[in-house]
Amino acid sequence: MPERSRTKKKKQHDFLLICLIILAICGFIIARQEYKIYQVNKELEATTQRVENLKKDKEELEAEKKRLDDLKYIEKLAREDHNMVGKDEVPLFIVDEKENKDSDKKNR
């Protein structure tokens, strides 16, 4: 009889060992899947933020496009960004005093 109880205990021990191995494998698979889900959610958040930024940029560009239909706005841009002047206007350039002093020092 002692042999039967020993084999029975060994079978129980083997069964518990197999159950633990199966649980460990399942735990590993679940952890790996959770990590993949975390990565996908993180990527989704980044993509959503990018889409929102692109929508804002689109709205700004559409507003700029509408402003470009206004001749006064175009004239303002030409004057400010490209230093353009009208037909009968004389260009006026304001020179900073620091620039004059620096150029005088270089010329000496």
N, C-alpha and C. Protein backbone atom coordinates (compact mmCIF):
# COMPACT_ATOMS: atom_id res chain seq x y z
N MET A 1 0.79 -1.20 0.00
CA MET A 1 0.00 0.00 0.00
C MET A 1 0.83 1.27 0.00
N PRO A 2 1.93 1.25 0.65
CA PRO A 2 2.72 2.48 0.64
C PRO A 2 3.13 2.88 -0.77
N GLU A 3 3.32 1.90 -1.65
CA GLU A 3 3.69 2.23 -3.02
C GLU A 3 2.56 2.95 -3.73
N ARG A 4 1.32 2.52 -3.48
CA ARG A 4 0.16 3.15 -4.12
C ARG A 4 0.04 4.60 -3.69
N SER A 5 0.22 4.88 -2.45
CA SER A 5 0.09 6.25 -1.96
C SER A 5 1.23 7.11 -2.52
N ARG A 6 2.37 6.49 -2.69
CA ARG A 6 3.50 7.22 -3.27
C ARG A 6 3.23 7.56 -4.74
N THR A 7 2.75 6.60 -5.48
CA THR A 7 2.44 6.86 -6.89
C THR A 7 1.29 7.85 -7.02
N LYS A 8 0.35 7.76 -6.11
CA LYS A 8 -0.77 8.70 -6.13
C LYS A 8 -0.27 10.11 -5.83
N LYS A 9 0.61 10.25 -4.85
CA LYS A 9 1.18 11.55 -4.52
C LYS A 9 2.03 12.08 -5.67
N LYS A 10 2.76 11.17 -6.33
CA LYS A 10 3.58 11.58 -7.46
C LYS A 10 2.70 12.06 -8.60
N LYS A 11 1.59 11.37 -8.84
CA LYS A 11 0.65 11.79 -9.89
C LYS A 11 0.07 13.17 -9.55
N GLN A 12 -0.28 13.35 -8.28
CA GLN A 12 -0.81 14.65 -7.87
C GLN A 12 0.25 15.74 -8.04
N HIS A 13 1.46 15.40 -7.69
CA HIS A 13 2.57 16.36 -7.82
C HIS A 13 2.80 16.71 -9.29
N ASP A 14 2.80 15.69 -10.15
CA ASP A 14 2.97 15.92 -11.59
C ASP A 14 1.82 16.75 -12.15
N PHE A 15 0.60 16.43 -11.69
CA PHE A 15 -0.57 17.19 -12.15
C PHE A 15 -0.46 18.66 -11.75
N LEU A 16 -0.06 18.93 -10.51
CA LEU A 16 0.11 20.30 -10.04
C LEU A 16 1.21 21.01 -10.82
N LEU A 17 2.28 20.31 -11.10
CA LEU A 17 3.39 20.88 -11.86
C LEU A 17 2.93 21.25 -13.28
N ILE A 18 2.18 20.38 -13.91
CA ILE A 18 1.66 20.65 -15.26
C ILE A 18 0.69 21.84 -15.22
N CYS A 19 -0.16 21.87 -14.20
CA CYS A 19 -1.10 23.00 -14.06
C CYS A 19 -0.34 24.32 -13.89
N LEU A 20 0.71 24.32 -13.09
CA LEU A 20 1.51 25.53 -12.89
C LEU A 20 2.20 25.96 -14.18
N ILE A 21 2.71 25.00 -14.92
CA ILE A 21 3.35 25.31 -16.20
C ILE A 21 2.34 25.91 -17.17
N ILE A 22 1.15 25.32 -17.23
CA ILE A 22 0.10 25.84 -18.11
C ILE A 22 -0.31 27.24 -17.68
N LEU A 23 -0.46 27.46 -16.37
CA LEU A 23 -0.80 28.79 -15.86
C LEU A 23 0.29 29.81 -16.19
N ALA A 24 1.54 29.41 -16.07
CA ALA A 24 2.65 30.32 -16.39
C ALA A 24 2.63 30.69 -17.87
N ILE A 25 2.40 29.70 -18.73
CA ILE A 25 2.34 29.96 -20.17
C ILE A 25 1.16 30.89 -20.48
N CYS A 26 0.01 30.61 -19.90
CA CYS A 26 -1.17 31.47 -20.12
C CYS A 26 -0.91 32.88 -19.62
N GLY A 27 -0.29 32.98 -18.45
CA GLY A 27 0.05 34.30 -17.91
C GLY A 27 0.98 35.06 -18.84
N PHE A 28 1.98 34.38 -19.38
CA PHE A 28 2.91 35.01 -20.31
C PHE A 28 2.18 35.49 -21.57
N ILE A 29 1.31 34.65 -22.11
CA ILE A 29 0.56 35.02 -23.32
C ILE A 29 -0.34 36.22 -23.05
N ILE A 30 -1.02 36.21 -21.92
CA ILE A 30 -1.91 37.32 -21.57
C ILE A 30 -1.10 38.61 -21.37
N ALA A 31 0.04 38.50 -20.70
CA ALA A 31 0.87 39.69 -20.49
C ALA A 31 1.36 40.25 -21.82
N ARG A 32 1.76 39.38 -22.72
CA ARG A 32 2.22 39.82 -24.04
C ARG A 32 1.10 40.51 -24.81
N GLN A 33 -0.10 39.96 -24.75
CA GLN A 33 -1.24 40.56 -25.44
C GLN A 33 -1.60 41.92 -24.83
N GLU A 34 -1.54 42.01 -23.52
CA GLU A 34 -1.81 43.29 -22.85
C GLU A 34 -0.80 44.35 -23.27
N TYR A 35 0.45 43.95 -23.41
CA TYR A 35 1.48 44.90 -23.84
C TYR A 35 1.21 45.37 -25.27
N LYS A 36 0.80 44.44 -26.13
CA LYS A 36 0.46 44.82 -27.51
C LYS A 36 -0.73 45.79 -27.52
N ILE A 37 -1.72 45.53 -26.69
CA ILE A 37 -2.87 46.42 -26.60
C ILE A 37 -2.44 47.79 -26.10
N TYR A 38 -1.54 47.83 -25.13
CA TYR A 38 -1.00 49.09 -24.62
C TYR A 38 -0.30 49.86 -25.74
N GLN A 39 0.51 49.19 -26.54
CA GLN A 39 1.21 49.84 -27.63
C GLN A 39 0.24 50.38 -28.67
N VAL A 40 -0.79 49.61 -29.00
CA VAL A 40 -1.78 50.05 -29.98
C VAL A 40 -2.53 51.27 -29.46
N ASN A 41 -2.89 51.26 -28.18
CA ASN A 41 -3.60 52.41 -27.59
C ASN A 41 -2.71 53.65 -27.59
N LYS A 42 -1.45 53.46 -27.30
CA LYS A 42 -0.50 54.59 -27.31
C LYS A 42 -0.38 55.16 -28.73
N GLU A 43 -0.28 54.28 -29.71
CA GLU A 43 -0.19 54.71 -31.11
C GLU A 43 -1.49 55.40 -31.54
N LEU A 44 -2.62 54.89 -31.06
CA LEU A 44 -3.92 55.50 -31.38
C LEU A 44 -3.99 56.92 -30.82
N GLU A 45 -3.52 57.11 -29.59
CA GLU A 45 -3.52 58.45 -29.00
C GLU A 45 -2.65 59.41 -29.80
N ALA A 46 -1.48 58.94 -30.21
CA ALA A 46 -0.57 59.79 -30.99
C ALA A 46 -1.20 60.13 -32.34
N THR A 47 -1.83 59.16 -32.96
CA THR A 47 -2.46 59.40 -34.25
C THR A 47 -3.65 60.35 -34.10
N THR A 48 -4.42 60.19 -33.05
CA THR A 48 -5.55 61.08 -32.81
C THR A 48 -5.07 62.51 -32.60
N GLN A 49 -3.99 62.67 -31.84
CA GLN A 49 -3.42 64.00 -31.62
C GLN A 49 -2.93 64.60 -32.93
N ARG A 50 -2.31 63.78 -33.75
CA ARG A 50 -1.82 64.26 -35.06
C ARG A 50 -2.99 64.68 -35.94
N VAL A 51 -4.06 63.91 -35.93
CA VAL A 51 -5.25 64.27 -36.73
C VAL A 51 -5.82 65.60 -36.25
N GLU A 52 -5.89 65.79 -34.93
CA GLU A 52 -6.40 67.06 -34.39
C GLU A 52 -5.52 68.23 -34.83
N ASN A 53 -4.21 68.05 -34.77
CA ASN A 53 -3.30 69.10 -35.21
C ASN A 53 -3.47 69.41 -36.69
N LEU A 54 -3.64 68.36 -37.49
CA LEU A 54 -3.84 68.56 -38.92
C LEU A 54 -5.17 69.27 -39.21
N LYS A 55 -6.19 68.97 -38.43
CA LYS A 55 -7.47 69.66 -38.60
C LYS A 55 -7.33 71.15 -38.29
N LYS A 56 -6.58 71.47 -37.22
CA LYS A 56 -6.35 72.87 -36.88
C LYS A 56 -5.58 73.57 -37.99
N ASP A 57 -4.54 72.89 -38.51
CA ASP A 57 -3.76 73.46 -39.60
C ASP A 57 -4.64 73.69 -40.84
N LYS A 58 -5.51 72.76 -41.10
CA LYS A 58 -6.41 72.88 -42.26
C LYS A 58 -7.32 74.10 -42.09
N GLU A 59 -7.87 74.26 -40.89
CA GLU A 59 -8.74 75.41 -40.63
C GLU A 59 -7.99 76.72 -40.82
N GLU A 60 -6.75 76.76 -40.31
CA GLU A 60 -5.94 77.97 -40.46
C GLU A 60 -5.65 78.25 -41.92
N LEU A 61 -5.34 77.21 -42.68
CA LEU A 61 -5.06 77.40 -44.10
C LEU A 61 -6.30 77.83 -44.88
N GLU A 62 -7.45 77.29 -44.51
CA GLU A 62 -8.69 77.70 -45.18
C GLU A 62 -9.01 79.17 -44.87
N ALA A 63 -8.75 79.58 -43.62
CA ALA A 63 -8.97 80.98 -43.26
C ALA A 63 -8.00 81.87 -44.04
N GLU A 64 -6.76 81.45 -44.17
CA GLU A 64 -5.77 82.21 -44.94
C GLU A 64 -6.19 82.29 -46.41
N LYS A 65 -6.71 81.21 -46.93
CA LYS A 65 -7.17 81.18 -48.32
C LYS A 65 -8.29 82.19 -48.54
N LYS A 66 -9.22 82.27 -47.58
CA LYS A 66 -10.31 83.25 -47.69
C LYS A 66 -9.77 84.67 -47.61
N ARG A 67 -8.77 84.90 -46.76
CA ARG A 67 -8.19 86.24 -46.64
C ARG A 67 -7.46 86.64 -47.91
N LEU A 68 -6.94 85.67 -48.66
CA LEU A 68 -6.21 85.98 -49.88
C LEU A 68 -7.12 86.49 -51.00
N ASP A 69 -8.42 86.41 -50.82
CA ASP A 69 -9.36 86.99 -51.79
C ASP A 69 -9.49 88.50 -51.59
N ASP A 70 -9.02 89.01 -50.46
CA ASP A 70 -9.10 90.43 -50.14
C ASP A 70 -7.85 91.15 -50.64
N LEU A 71 -8.04 92.14 -51.51
CA LEU A 71 -6.91 92.87 -52.09
C LEU A 71 -6.12 93.64 -51.04
N LYS A 72 -6.79 94.17 -50.03
CA LYS A 72 -6.08 94.91 -48.99
C LYS A 72 -5.15 93.98 -48.20
N TYR A 73 -5.59 92.77 -47.96
CA TYR A 73 -4.74 91.81 -47.25
C TYR A 73 -3.53 91.44 -48.11
N ILE A 74 -3.73 91.25 -49.39
CA ILE A 74 -2.62 90.93 -50.29
C ILE A 74 -1.62 92.09 -50.30
N GLU A 75 -2.13 93.32 -50.35
CA GLU A 75 -1.25 94.49 -50.34
C GLU A 75 -0.45 94.54 -49.03
N LYS A 76 -1.12 94.25 -47.93
CA LYS A 76 -0.46 94.25 -46.62
C LYS A 76 0.67 93.22 -46.60
N LEU A 77 0.40 92.02 -47.10
CA LEU A 77 1.43 90.98 -47.14
C LEU A 77 2.60 91.40 -48.02
N ALA A 78 2.28 92.01 -49.18
CA ALA A 78 3.34 92.44 -50.09
C ALA A 78 4.23 93.48 -49.43
N ARG A 79 3.63 94.40 -48.70
CA ARG A 79 4.41 95.45 -48.04
C ARG A 79 5.25 94.88 -46.90
N GLU A 80 4.64 94.07 -46.05
CA GLU A 80 5.33 93.57 -44.86
C GLU A 80 6.35 92.47 -45.15
N ASP A 81 5.95 91.52 -45.96
CA ASP A 81 6.81 90.35 -46.18
C ASP A 81 7.82 90.54 -47.30
N HIS A 82 7.48 91.37 -48.30
CA HIS A 82 8.33 91.48 -49.49
C HIS A 82 8.86 92.89 -49.73
N ASN A 83 8.64 93.79 -48.76
CA ASN A 83 9.13 95.18 -48.84
C ASN A 83 8.75 95.86 -50.16
N MET A 84 7.55 95.63 -50.62
CA MET A 84 7.09 96.25 -51.86
C MET A 84 6.46 97.61 -51.55
N VAL A 85 6.50 98.49 -52.55
CA VAL A 85 5.90 99.82 -52.42
C VAL A 85 4.99 100.05 -53.61
N GLY A 86 4.07 101.03 -53.44
CA GLY A 86 3.14 101.37 -54.51
C GLY A 86 3.84 102.16 -55.61
N LYS A 87 3.09 102.47 -56.71
CA LYS A 87 3.65 103.19 -57.86
C LYS A 87 4.26 104.53 -57.47
N ASP A 88 3.50 105.35 -56.80
CA ASP A 88 3.93 106.72 -56.53
C ASP A 88 4.58 106.86 -55.15
N GLU A 89 4.91 105.77 -54.51
CA GLU A 89 5.50 105.82 -53.18
C GLU A 89 7.02 105.74 -53.27
N VAL A 90 7.67 106.38 -52.30
CA VAL A 90 9.13 106.34 -52.22
C VAL A 90 9.49 105.39 -51.09
N PRO A 91 10.35 104.43 -51.36
CA PRO A 91 10.71 103.49 -50.29
C PRO A 91 11.52 104.19 -49.21
N LEU A 92 11.24 103.86 -47.98
CA LEU A 92 11.92 104.45 -46.84
C LEU A 92 12.49 103.31 -46.00
N PHE A 93 13.80 103.34 -45.81
CA PHE A 93 14.45 102.29 -45.03
C PHE A 93 14.96 102.90 -43.74
N ILE A 94 14.62 102.30 -42.64
CA ILE A 94 15.08 102.77 -41.33
C ILE A 94 16.24 101.89 -40.91
N VAL A 95 17.36 102.53 -40.64
CA VAL A 95 18.56 101.80 -40.26
C VAL A 95 18.79 101.99 -38.77
N ASP A 96 19.06 100.94 -38.11
CA ASP A 96 19.31 100.97 -36.68
C ASP A 96 20.68 101.57 -36.42
N GLU A 97 20.83 102.35 -35.35
CA GLU A 97 22.09 103.01 -35.04
C GLU A 97 23.19 102.00 -34.74
N LYS A 98 22.85 100.89 -34.14
CA LYS A 98 23.85 99.86 -33.84
C LYS A 98 24.48 99.35 -35.14
N GLU A 99 23.66 99.18 -36.17
CA GLU A 99 24.18 98.70 -37.44
C GLU A 99 25.14 99.72 -38.03
N ASN A 100 24.83 101.03 -37.91
CA ASN A 100 25.72 102.07 -38.41
C ASN A 100 27.07 102.03 -37.69
N LYS A 101 27.04 101.91 -36.38
CA LYS A 101 28.28 101.89 -35.60
C LYS A 101 29.12 100.66 -35.96
N ASP A 102 28.45 99.51 -36.11
CA ASP A 102 29.17 98.28 -36.46
C ASP A 102 29.81 98.40 -37.82
N SER A 103 29.10 98.97 -38.78
CA SER A 103 29.65 99.10 -40.12
C SER A 103 30.78 100.12 -40.15
N ASP A 104 30.67 101.17 -39.33
CA ASP A 104 31.77 102.17 -39.25
C ASP A 104 33.01 101.52 -38.68
N LYS A 105 32.89 100.68 -37.68
CA LYS A 105 34.04 100.02 -37.06
C LYS A 105 34.72 99.09 -38.05
N LYS A 106 33.90 98.40 -38.87
CA LYS A 106 34.46 97.49 -39.85
C LYS A 106 35.22 98.22 -40.95
N ASN A 107 34.71 99.41 -41.32
CA ASN A 107 35.33 100.18 -42.39
C ASN A 107 36.65 100.80 -41.95
N ARG A 108 36.92 100.96 -40.70
CA ARG A 108 38.16 101.60 -40.22
C ARG A 108 39.31 100.72 -40.32
